[in-house]
Amino acid sequence: LAPWVPVVGLEIHAQISSNSKLFSGSQVQFAAPPNSLVSFFDASLPGTLPVLNRRCVEAAVMTGLALNCRINKKSLFDRKHYFYADLPAGYQITQQRVPIAVNGSLSYSLCIDNKMSQMVTKTVRIKQIQLEQDSGKSLHDDTRSQTLVDLNRAGVGLMEVVMEPDMCCGEEAAAAVRELQLILQTLGSSQAVMAEGQLRVDANVSVHHPGEPYGVRTEVKNINSIRFLAKAVDYEIQRQIEELENGGTILNETRAFDSKLGCTVPMRDKEGKQDYRFMPEPNLPPLILYDAKSLPANINHQQVVNIDWIHERLPDLPSVKRAKLVERYGILPEHSFTLLNEDGLTEFFENVVKQTQMKPKKVIGWILNDLLSYLKQHSLRVKESPVSSCLLADLLNLLEKKEISSTAAKQVFAELWKGERKTPLEIVKEKKLEVIQDQKELELICQAVIDGQENEVIVMVLG
């Protein structure tokens, strides 16, 4: 029988980096006291009206441009109805009919067989990016059998990035989301910290035989780490294949990933298609965007969003940054991925290169083999490193001037890691790690060793 072909599509909710919510002036802040950041509109008091946040629109346009999307100059808002304790209005304002951006693409790279030296670049199509509100948060207290509702998150601006089902395994899904995360962070359109719920991933997974229609898909909801995403997708592919090979059927259901057990578990079925009763949002006019050509002469620039103005101000995206690192420093392409993947590592590397005579190709070895492995061992971020770029540069200068050996340099690095505020030179002097250049001095040391071990020397000579 022909092998199974897995199909993976992703829906990603990215929290927009903005001081206030999408339709209200309430502040956005992680871990604030419950219900301390809730306006009348967020609580859905009668008679309150939405006011669109310009910053959120600009962030969505910027993200759409970075993902090669077509930006719709006219997009529409809709109400999506569902009843849940943390959604006081009974509906979410989203963009179902005409979203802000469509038809984009995202290129990402991954290693073949875990070999960093063999990388392949793939592309996933972006179906659309839409603006929508987040819901509040329900906290279930089992001991008292009650649910507490915190509306701080209700109404926070989200961008939903919908990817086409162009991926086939957990590793591809994880690599695509990691690249998206880097792009969002580079743009500043989302901080995209998964641990704070600023990037949440839903994965749609199905399997079929080549040449046959796609199989029934399941949706794994709210995956909150890139590592768990890879595991959840691979587990779900395997589960579906085993189920079908044993004569079972796949249900169109929503599942959750249990990270402790490493498996997906059913949450609810999707058999009865949820009727969201979409309708146009009556309190919001169509969102109109402009470019340099369509911008009316007499309009106040503060009142409109100009797509071309945003396009001109896009920063270098991760792919461009990596190419520049390779070109500027002659490092390997795979090393440029590691530099960008670790927050703050590129800046650290460039600071060391600026302050040392050592060639960048040799510096990168110290950054990746020594600094990074120490950081990983101690679960520290680059900005928490006890060895600053300045100290590492001083150490590498001693090595480059042949004042110490590379073995001694490793010892000095281990001492610097203790964070005792000593310079590399002080450690070298204290531990007597200098390379001795004077031949006479070397002869005296050798003679002293021989004199101190007379019996052993006689045994060797007679031996």
Protein backbone atom coordinates (compact mmCIF):
# COMPACT_ATOMS: atom_id res chain seq x y z
CA LEU A 1 0.00 0.00 0.00
CA ALA A 2 1.22 3.53 -0.79
CA PRO A 3 2.60 5.47 2.19
CA TRP A 4 0.51 8.04 4.03
CA VAL A 5 0.90 11.73 3.16
CA PRO A 6 0.49 14.01 6.20
CA VAL A 7 -0.94 17.52 5.69
CA VAL A 8 -0.44 20.31 8.22
CA GLY A 9 -1.94 23.82 8.19
CA LEU A 10 -1.56 26.41 10.95
CA GLU A 11 -3.64 29.23 12.40
CA ILE A 12 -1.56 31.55 14.54
CA HIS A 13 -2.88 34.24 16.89
CA ALA A 14 -0.27 36.93 17.55
CA GLN A 15 -0.98 39.56 20.19
CA ILE A 16 -0.32 43.00 18.74
CA SER A 17 2.29 45.00 20.58
CA SER A 18 0.23 48.07 21.52
CA ASN A 19 -0.28 50.13 24.69
CA SER A 20 -4.07 49.87 24.45
CA LYS A 21 -6.70 47.40 23.25
CA LEU A 22 -8.11 47.05 19.73
CA PHE A 23 -11.36 48.96 20.28
CA SER A 24 -10.98 50.59 23.71
CA GLY A 25 -8.50 52.78 25.58
CA SER A 26 -7.78 50.15 28.27
CA GLN A 27 -4.14 49.41 28.89
CA VAL A 28 -2.54 46.11 27.81
CA GLN A 29 -0.26 44.58 30.44
CA PHE A 30 0.66 40.97 31.20
CA ALA A 31 -0.09 39.64 34.71
CA ALA A 32 -1.86 42.79 35.97
CA PRO A 33 -4.26 42.22 38.92
CA PRO A 34 -7.46 40.52 37.65
CA ASN A 35 -10.06 42.86 36.11
CA SER A 36 -7.92 45.96 36.68
CA LEU A 37 -7.67 46.84 32.96
CA VAL A 38 -11.29 46.73 31.83
CA SER A 39 -13.17 49.59 30.17
CA PHE A 40 -16.98 49.79 29.93
CA PHE A 41 -16.67 48.61 26.31
CA ASP A 42 -14.55 45.55 27.31
CA ALA A 43 -17.18 44.64 29.91
CA SER A 44 -19.79 45.14 27.17
CA LEU A 45 -21.97 47.61 29.02
CA PRO A 46 -25.02 48.65 26.93
CA GLY A 47 -24.50 51.70 24.74
CA THR A 48 -20.68 51.44 24.55
CA LEU A 49 -19.11 51.67 21.08
CA PRO A 50 -15.84 50.42 19.56
CA VAL A 51 -13.15 52.90 18.45
CA LEU A 52 -10.48 51.35 16.21
CA ASN A 53 -6.85 51.56 17.43
CA ARG A 54 -4.64 52.97 14.66
CA ARG A 55 -1.46 51.33 16.04
CA CYS A 56 -3.05 47.88 15.68
CA VAL A 57 -3.96 48.59 12.05
CA GLU A 58 -0.40 49.73 11.27
CA ALA A 59 1.05 46.62 12.94
CA ALA A 60 -1.19 44.38 10.82
CA VAL A 61 -0.25 46.22 7.60
CA MET A 62 3.45 46.00 8.48
CA THR A 63 3.14 42.26 9.17
CA GLY A 64 1.20 41.74 5.93
CA LEU A 65 3.89 43.54 3.91
CA ALA A 66 6.68 41.53 5.58
CA LEU A 67 4.83 38.32 4.65
CA ASN A 68 4.44 39.37 0.99
CA CYS A 69 0.67 39.79 1.30
CA ARG A 70 -1.63 41.97 -0.76
CA ILE A 71 -2.99 44.63 1.59
CA ASN A 72 -6.71 45.22 1.06
CA LYS A 73 -7.39 48.95 0.84
CA LYS A 74 -10.91 48.24 2.02
CA SER A 75 -11.46 45.62 4.72
CA LEU A 76 -14.54 44.88 6.81
CA PHE A 77 -15.34 43.96 10.41
CA ASP A 78 -17.79 41.19 11.38
CA ARG A 79 -19.38 39.79 14.49
CA LYS A 80 -18.72 36.13 15.25
CA HIS A 81 -21.25 34.89 17.82
CA TYR A 82 -20.48 32.32 20.47
CA PHE A 83 -21.38 32.13 24.12
CA TYR A 84 -18.66 31.77 26.67
CA ALA A 85 -18.23 33.17 30.18
CA ASP A 86 -15.20 35.30 29.27
CA LEU A 87 -16.82 36.88 26.19
CA PRO A 88 -19.32 39.31 27.77
CA ALA A 89 -20.77 40.62 24.49
CA GLY A 90 -21.62 37.10 23.27
CA TYR A 91 -19.67 37.81 20.07
CA GLN A 92 -16.13 38.59 18.93
CA ILE A 93 -15.35 41.38 16.46
CA THR A 94 -13.20 39.86 13.68
CA GLN A 95 -12.69 40.08 9.90
CA GLN A 96 -14.47 37.17 8.25
CA ARG A 97 -15.51 38.48 4.83
CA VAL A 98 -12.66 40.79 3.78
CA PRO A 99 -9.53 40.65 6.00
CA ILE A 100 -6.82 43.30 6.06
CA ALA A 101 -4.22 41.21 4.15
CA VAL A 102 -4.36 38.17 1.80
CA ASN A 103 -2.25 35.88 -0.43
CA GLY A 104 1.20 36.06 1.15
CA SER A 105 4.08 33.66 1.65
CA LEU A 106 6.67 32.83 4.29
CA SER A 107 10.03 31.21 3.53
CA TYR A 108 11.67 29.23 6.32
CA SER A 109 14.68 26.90 6.55
CA LEU A 110 15.22 23.62 8.34
CA CYS A 111 18.04 21.10 8.73
CA ILE A 112 18.01 17.75 6.96
CA ASP A 113 18.62 14.84 9.36
CA ASN A 114 19.51 17.29 12.17
CA LYS A 115 22.68 18.31 10.30
CA MET A 116 23.11 22.07 10.57
CA SER A 117 25.35 21.98 7.47
CA GLN A 118 22.50 20.63 5.31
CA MET A 119 19.71 23.17 5.26
CA VAL A 120 16.73 23.31 2.95
CA THR A 121 14.48 26.33 2.36
CA LYS A 122 10.72 25.84 2.03
CA THR A 123 7.78 28.20 1.53
CA VAL A 124 4.34 28.15 3.09
CA ARG A 125 1.53 30.22 1.57
CA ILE A 126 -0.24 32.69 3.84
CA LYS A 127 -3.98 32.68 3.13
CA GLN A 128 -4.80 35.80 5.14
CA ILE A 129 -4.12 38.01 8.13
CA GLN A 130 -7.13 39.34 10.01
CA LEU A 131 -7.58 41.73 12.91
CA GLU A 132 -9.70 40.53 15.84
CA GLN A 133 -10.24 40.89 19.58
CA ASP A 134 -8.96 38.44 22.16
CA SER A 135 -11.36 36.98 24.71
CA GLY A 136 -10.98 37.19 28.49
CA LYS A 137 -9.62 34.38 30.62
CA SER A 138 -11.58 31.81 32.64
CA LEU A 139 -9.85 30.40 35.69
CA HIS A 140 -11.41 27.13 36.82
CA ASP A 141 -11.26 26.56 40.58
CA ASP A 142 -11.99 22.84 40.96
CA THR A 143 -11.85 22.76 44.75
CA ARG A 144 -14.74 25.21 45.04
CA SER A 145 -16.36 24.07 41.75
CA GLN A 146 -16.45 27.59 40.39
CA THR A 147 -15.06 29.53 37.45
CA LEU A 148 -13.54 32.98 37.89
CA VAL A 149 -13.42 35.38 34.96
CA ASP A 150 -10.60 37.88 34.34
CA LEU A 151 -11.43 40.38 31.57
CA ASN A 152 -7.99 42.06 31.39
CA ARG A 153 -7.26 40.27 28.12
CA ALA A 154 -10.76 40.84 26.68
CA GLY A 155 -10.50 43.12 23.66
CA VAL A 156 -6.70 42.96 23.30
CA GLY A 157 -5.77 43.24 19.59
CA LEU A 158 -4.80 40.06 17.76
CA MET A 159 -3.55 39.32 14.27
CA GLU A 160 -4.68 35.90 13.10
CA VAL A 161 -2.23 34.56 10.51
CA VAL A 162 -3.81 31.70 8.53
CA MET A 163 -1.31 29.42 6.74
CA GLU A 164 -2.32 27.11 3.90
CA PRO A 165 -1.86 23.34 4.50
CA ASP A 166 1.59 23.29 2.87
CA MET A 167 3.53 21.50 5.61
CA CYS A 168 3.95 17.81 6.30
CA CYS A 169 5.52 17.32 9.75
CA GLY A 170 6.12 18.85 13.17
CA GLU A 171 9.61 20.03 12.29
CA GLU A 172 8.33 22.05 9.31
CA ALA A 173 5.51 23.59 11.38
CA ALA A 174 7.96 24.51 14.16
CA ALA A 175 10.48 26.05 11.72
CA ALA A 176 7.73 28.13 10.03
CA VAL A 177 6.41 29.43 13.37
CA ARG A 178 9.94 30.22 14.61
CA GLU A 179 10.60 32.27 11.46
CA LEU A 180 7.25 34.05 11.84
CA GLN A 181 8.08 34.77 15.49
CA LEU A 182 11.44 36.30 14.48
CA ILE A 183 9.75 38.44 11.80
CA LEU A 184 7.12 39.72 14.28
CA GLN A 185 9.80 40.56 16.84
CA THR A 186 11.97 42.29 14.20
CA LEU A 187 9.01 44.41 13.08
CA GLY A 188 7.92 45.10 16.66
CA SER A 189 4.35 44.26 15.61
CA SER A 190 4.17 41.57 18.34
CA GLN A 191 6.53 40.60 21.16
CA ALA A 192 5.43 37.03 20.31
CA VAL A 193 6.47 35.58 23.69
CA MET A 194 4.74 32.20 23.71
CA ALA A 195 5.12 31.74 27.47
CA GLU A 196 2.95 34.87 27.97
CA GLY A 197 0.32 33.74 25.47
CA GLN A 198 1.36 36.38 22.91
CA LEU A 199 1.67 33.72 20.21
CA ARG A 200 -0.78 30.81 20.23
CA VAL A 201 -0.87 28.15 17.54
CA ASP A 202 -3.72 25.92 16.33
CA ALA A 203 -2.57 23.07 14.06
CA ASN A 204 -4.87 21.35 11.55
CA VAL A 205 -3.64 17.84 10.78
CA SER A 206 -4.85 15.14 8.36
CA VAL A 207 -3.38 12.16 6.44
CA HIS A 208 -4.25 10.61 3.05
CA HIS A 209 -2.81 8.31 0.40
CA PRO A 210 -1.10 9.97 -2.61
CA GLY A 211 -3.59 10.87 -5.33
CA GLU A 212 -6.57 10.65 -2.98
CA PRO A 213 -8.52 13.61 -1.50
CA TYR A 214 -7.36 15.02 1.83
CA GLY A 215 -8.44 13.02 4.88
CA VAL A 216 -10.63 14.19 7.77
CA ARG A 217 -8.67 16.76 9.78
CA THR A 218 -8.41 17.33 13.48
CA GLU A 219 -7.49 20.64 15.09
CA VAL A 220 -4.98 20.76 17.95
CA LYS A 221 -5.78 24.00 19.82
CA ASN A 222 -3.72 26.57 21.72
CA ILE A 223 -0.21 25.13 21.53
CA ASN A 224 2.01 27.47 23.54
CA SER A 225 5.59 26.48 22.67
CA ILE A 226 7.46 25.72 19.47
CA ARG A 227 8.87 22.48 20.92
CA PHE A 228 5.37 21.30 21.87
CA LEU A 229 4.08 22.26 18.41
CA ALA A 230 6.54 19.87 16.73
CA LYS A 231 5.66 17.10 19.21
CA ALA A 232 1.88 17.66 18.97
CA VAL A 233 1.86 17.59 15.15
CA ASP A 234 4.06 14.48 14.90
CA TYR A 235 2.04 12.67 17.56
CA GLU A 236 -1.24 13.52 15.82
CA ILE A 237 0.06 12.33 12.40
CA GLN A 238 1.15 9.03 13.94
CA ARG A 239 -2.12 8.62 15.85
CA GLN A 240 -4.20 9.14 12.72
CA ILE A 241 -2.11 6.69 10.65
CA GLU A 242 -2.40 4.00 13.34
CA GLU A 243 -6.13 4.61 13.73
CA LEU A 244 -6.75 4.26 9.97
CA GLU A 245 -4.49 1.23 9.58
CA ASN A 246 -6.40 -0.50 12.36
CA GLY A 247 -9.67 0.05 10.47
CA GLY A 248 -10.81 3.02 12.58
CA THR A 249 -12.03 6.44 11.42
CA ILE A 250 -10.77 9.94 12.16
CA LEU A 251 -13.28 12.28 13.77
CA ASN A 252 -13.43 15.94 12.81
CA GLU A 253 -12.71 17.12 16.35
CA THR A 254 -10.79 19.64 18.41
CA ARG A 255 -7.98 18.18 20.48
CA ALA A 256 -5.51 19.58 23.02
CA PHE A 257 -1.85 18.67 23.47
CA ASP A 258 -0.96 17.31 26.92
CA SER A 259 2.72 18.21 27.26
CA LYS A 260 3.23 16.04 30.35
CA LEU A 261 1.93 12.92 28.60
CA GLY A 262 3.28 13.97 25.19
CA CYS A 263 0.00 13.18 23.43
CA THR A 264 -3.13 14.89 22.10
CA VAL A 265 -6.45 14.39 23.88
CA PRO A 266 -10.01 15.05 22.60
CA MET A 267 -11.64 18.32 23.74
CA ARG A 268 -14.86 18.54 21.73
CA ASP A 269 -16.17 17.24 18.41
CA LYS A 270 -16.87 19.47 15.44
CA GLU A 271 -19.54 17.23 13.92
CA GLY A 272 -22.36 19.70 14.57
CA LYS A 273 -20.85 22.63 12.66
CA GLN A 274 -20.78 25.59 15.03
CA ASP A 275 -23.07 28.29 13.70
CA TYR A 276 -21.26 31.54 14.42
CA ARG A 277 -24.04 33.57 12.75
CA PHE A 278 -21.54 35.97 11.19
CA MET A 279 -22.93 39.42 10.51
CA PRO A 280 -21.37 42.77 9.56
CA GLU A 281 -20.30 44.77 12.65
CA PRO A 282 -22.83 47.65 12.55
CA ASN A 283 -20.78 49.97 14.75
CA LEU A 284 -17.64 50.02 12.60
CA PRO A 285 -17.40 51.47 9.07
CA PRO A 286 -15.22 49.71 6.46
CA LEU A 287 -11.49 50.13 7.21
CA ILE A 288 -10.03 52.21 4.36
CA LEU A 289 -6.26 52.31 3.79
CA TYR A 290 -4.35 54.49 1.34
CA ASP A 291 -1.13 54.43 -0.64
CA ALA A 292 0.88 57.31 -2.14
CA LYS A 293 -1.31 57.30 -5.29
CA SER A 294 -4.72 57.22 -3.62
CA LEU A 295 -3.96 59.61 -0.75
CA PRO A 296 -6.24 62.67 -1.08
CA ALA A 297 -4.37 65.98 -1.04
CA ASN A 298 -6.43 67.70 1.65
CA ILE A 299 -6.42 64.85 4.18
CA ASN A 300 -4.76 64.95 7.61
CA HIS A 301 -1.96 62.35 7.61
CA GLN A 302 -2.62 61.59 11.27
CA GLN A 303 -6.11 60.35 10.40
CA VAL A 304 -5.16 57.73 7.78
CA VAL A 305 -2.86 54.76 7.33
CA ASN A 306 -0.55 55.01 4.30
CA ILE A 307 0.63 51.55 3.10
CA ASP A 308 3.57 52.98 1.11
CA TRP A 309 4.79 55.00 4.11
CA ILE A 310 4.85 51.80 6.21
CA HIS A 311 6.53 49.86 3.37
CA GLU A 312 9.40 52.36 3.15
CA ARG A 313 10.07 52.00 6.87
CA LEU A 314 10.19 48.20 7.07
CA PRO A 315 13.37 47.07 8.87
CA ASP A 316 15.69 44.36 7.50
CA LEU A 317 13.88 41.03 7.89
CA PRO A 318 15.65 38.01 9.42
CA SER A 319 16.49 36.50 5.98
CA VAL A 320 18.22 39.74 4.92
CA LYS A 321 20.01 40.05 8.28
CA ARG A 322 21.35 36.49 7.90
CA ALA A 323 22.60 37.14 4.34
CA LYS A 324 24.36 40.31 5.54
CA LEU A 325 26.06 38.45 8.42
CA VAL A 326 27.36 35.78 6.02
CA GLU A 327 28.60 38.41 3.58
CA ARG A 328 30.11 40.77 6.14
CA TYR A 329 31.87 38.25 8.37
CA GLY A 330 32.43 35.25 6.09
CA ILE A 331 30.61 32.93 8.53
CA LEU A 332 28.68 29.83 7.46
CA PRO A 333 24.96 30.26 6.60
CA GLU A 334 23.95 27.79 9.33
CA HIS A 335 25.83 29.88 11.91
CA SER A 336 23.82 32.95 10.88
CA PHE A 337 20.63 31.02 11.81
CA THR A 338 21.95 30.28 15.30
CA LEU A 339 22.99 33.92 15.79
CA LEU A 340 19.51 35.17 14.93
CA ASN A 341 17.59 32.43 16.73
CA GLU A 342 19.05 33.37 20.12
CA ASP A 343 17.74 36.75 21.25
CA GLY A 344 20.64 39.22 21.55
CA LEU A 345 23.34 36.85 20.22
CA THR A 346 23.94 38.76 16.94
CA GLU A 347 24.64 41.99 18.87
CA PHE A 348 26.92 40.10 21.27
CA PHE A 349 28.89 38.55 18.38
CA GLU A 350 29.22 41.89 16.54
CA ASN A 351 30.40 43.65 19.72
CA VAL A 352 33.10 41.01 20.26
CA VAL A 353 34.23 41.27 16.61
CA LYS A 354 34.49 45.09 16.93
CA GLN A 355 36.75 44.82 20.01
CA THR A 356 39.10 42.03 18.97
CA GLN A 357 41.81 41.35 16.37
CA MET A 358 40.61 37.76 15.99
CA LYS A 359 38.99 36.83 12.67
CA PRO A 360 35.14 36.62 12.82
CA LYS A 361 35.29 32.96 11.67
CA LYS A 362 37.25 32.09 14.83
CA VAL A 363 35.12 34.36 17.08
CA ILE A 364 31.94 32.55 15.97
CA GLY A 365 33.44 29.28 17.27
CA TRP A 366 33.83 30.78 20.74
CA ILE A 367 30.33 32.27 20.62
CA LEU A 368 28.61 29.04 19.54
CA ASN A 369 30.75 26.37 21.23
CA ASP A 370 31.60 28.07 24.50
CA LEU A 371 29.28 30.98 25.31
CA LEU A 372 26.12 29.32 23.96
CA SER A 373 26.74 25.93 25.57
CA TYR A 374 27.40 27.61 28.97
CA LEU A 375 24.20 29.66 28.58
CA LYS A 376 22.15 26.55 27.70
CA GLN A 377 23.69 24.58 30.59
CA HIS A 378 22.63 27.27 33.05
CA SER A 379 19.31 28.10 31.29
CA LEU A 380 20.32 31.75 30.85
CA ARG A 381 19.48 34.25 28.13
CA VAL A 382 22.25 36.10 26.28
CA LYS A 383 21.58 39.34 28.20
CA GLU A 384 22.02 37.42 31.49
CA SER A 385 25.50 36.14 30.57
CA PRO A 386 28.07 36.73 33.34
CA VAL A 387 30.72 37.04 30.58
CA SER A 388 30.19 40.33 28.71
CA SER A 389 31.17 40.86 25.08
CA CYS A 390 33.92 43.16 26.35
CA LEU A 391 35.45 40.46 28.60
CA LEU A 392 35.28 37.82 25.87
CA ALA A 393 36.98 40.24 23.44
CA ASP A 394 39.81 40.84 25.99
CA LEU A 395 40.26 37.08 26.37
CA LEU A 396 40.34 36.46 22.61
CA ASN A 397 42.90 39.26 22.19
CA LEU A 398 45.23 37.50 24.66
CA LEU A 399 44.79 34.30 22.67
CA GLU A 400 45.31 36.06 19.31
CA LYS A 401 48.56 37.67 20.58
CA LYS A 402 49.68 34.15 21.60
CA GLU A 403 50.03 35.31 25.23
CA ILE A 404 47.99 32.26 26.33
CA SER A 405 47.25 28.86 24.76
CA SER A 406 43.74 27.85 23.67
CA THR A 407 43.60 25.37 26.58
CA ALA A 408 44.44 28.18 28.99
CA ALA A 409 41.83 30.40 27.28
CA LYS A 410 39.15 27.79 28.05
CA GLN A 411 40.25 27.82 31.71
CA VAL A 412 40.06 31.62 31.80
CA PHE A 413 36.57 31.51 30.27
CA ALA A 414 35.42 29.09 33.00
CA GLU A 415 36.80 31.50 35.63
CA LEU A 416 35.14 34.52 33.98
CA TRP A 417 31.83 32.62 34.06
CA LYS A 418 31.96 32.70 37.90
CA GLY A 419 31.32 36.46 37.59
CA GLU A 420 33.92 37.54 40.15
CA ARG A 421 34.60 40.82 38.30
CA LYS A 422 38.18 39.85 37.37
CA THR A 423 39.64 40.69 33.98
CA PRO A 424 41.05 37.89 31.77
CA LEU A 425 44.56 39.31 32.33
CA GLU A 426 44.16 39.22 36.14
CA ILE A 427 43.02 35.58 35.94
CA VAL A 428 45.97 34.68 33.66
CA LYS A 429 48.46 36.24 36.12
CA GLU A 430 46.77 34.76 39.18
CA LYS A 431 46.70 31.23 37.71
CA LYS A 432 50.09 31.61 35.97
CA LEU A 433 48.61 30.67 32.61
CA GLU A 434 50.89 32.80 30.39
CA VAL A 435 52.69 31.16 27.48
CA ILE A 436 56.42 31.35 28.33
CA GLN A 437 58.35 32.75 25.36
CA ASP A 438 61.85 32.84 27.00
CA GLN A 439 63.82 29.66 26.18
CA LYS A 440 66.14 30.05 29.20
CA GLU A 441 63.14 30.24 31.52
CA LEU A 442 61.69 27.08 29.95
CA GLU A 443 65.02 25.24 30.37
CA LEU A 444 65.16 26.22 34.06
CA ILE A 445 61.58 24.95 34.62
CA CYS A 446 62.39 21.65 32.88
CA GLN A 447 65.59 21.28 34.89
CA ALA A 448 63.74 21.95 38.17
CA VAL A 449 61.16 19.26 37.26
CA ILE A 450 63.94 16.75 36.49
CA ASP A 451 65.86 17.63 39.69
CA GLY A 452 62.75 17.12 41.77
CA GLN A 453 62.08 13.66 40.29
CA GLU A 454 65.61 12.11 40.37
CA ASN A 455 64.49 8.52 41.08
CA GLU A 456 61.98 8.49 38.22
CA VAL A 457 64.57 9.95 35.83
CA ILE A 458 67.14 7.21 36.75
CA VAL A 459 64.47 4.50 36.22
CA MET A 460 63.65 5.96 32.79
CA VAL A 461 67.31 6.18 31.78
CA LEU A 462 68.10 2.62 32.96
CA GLY A 463 64.66 1.31 31.93
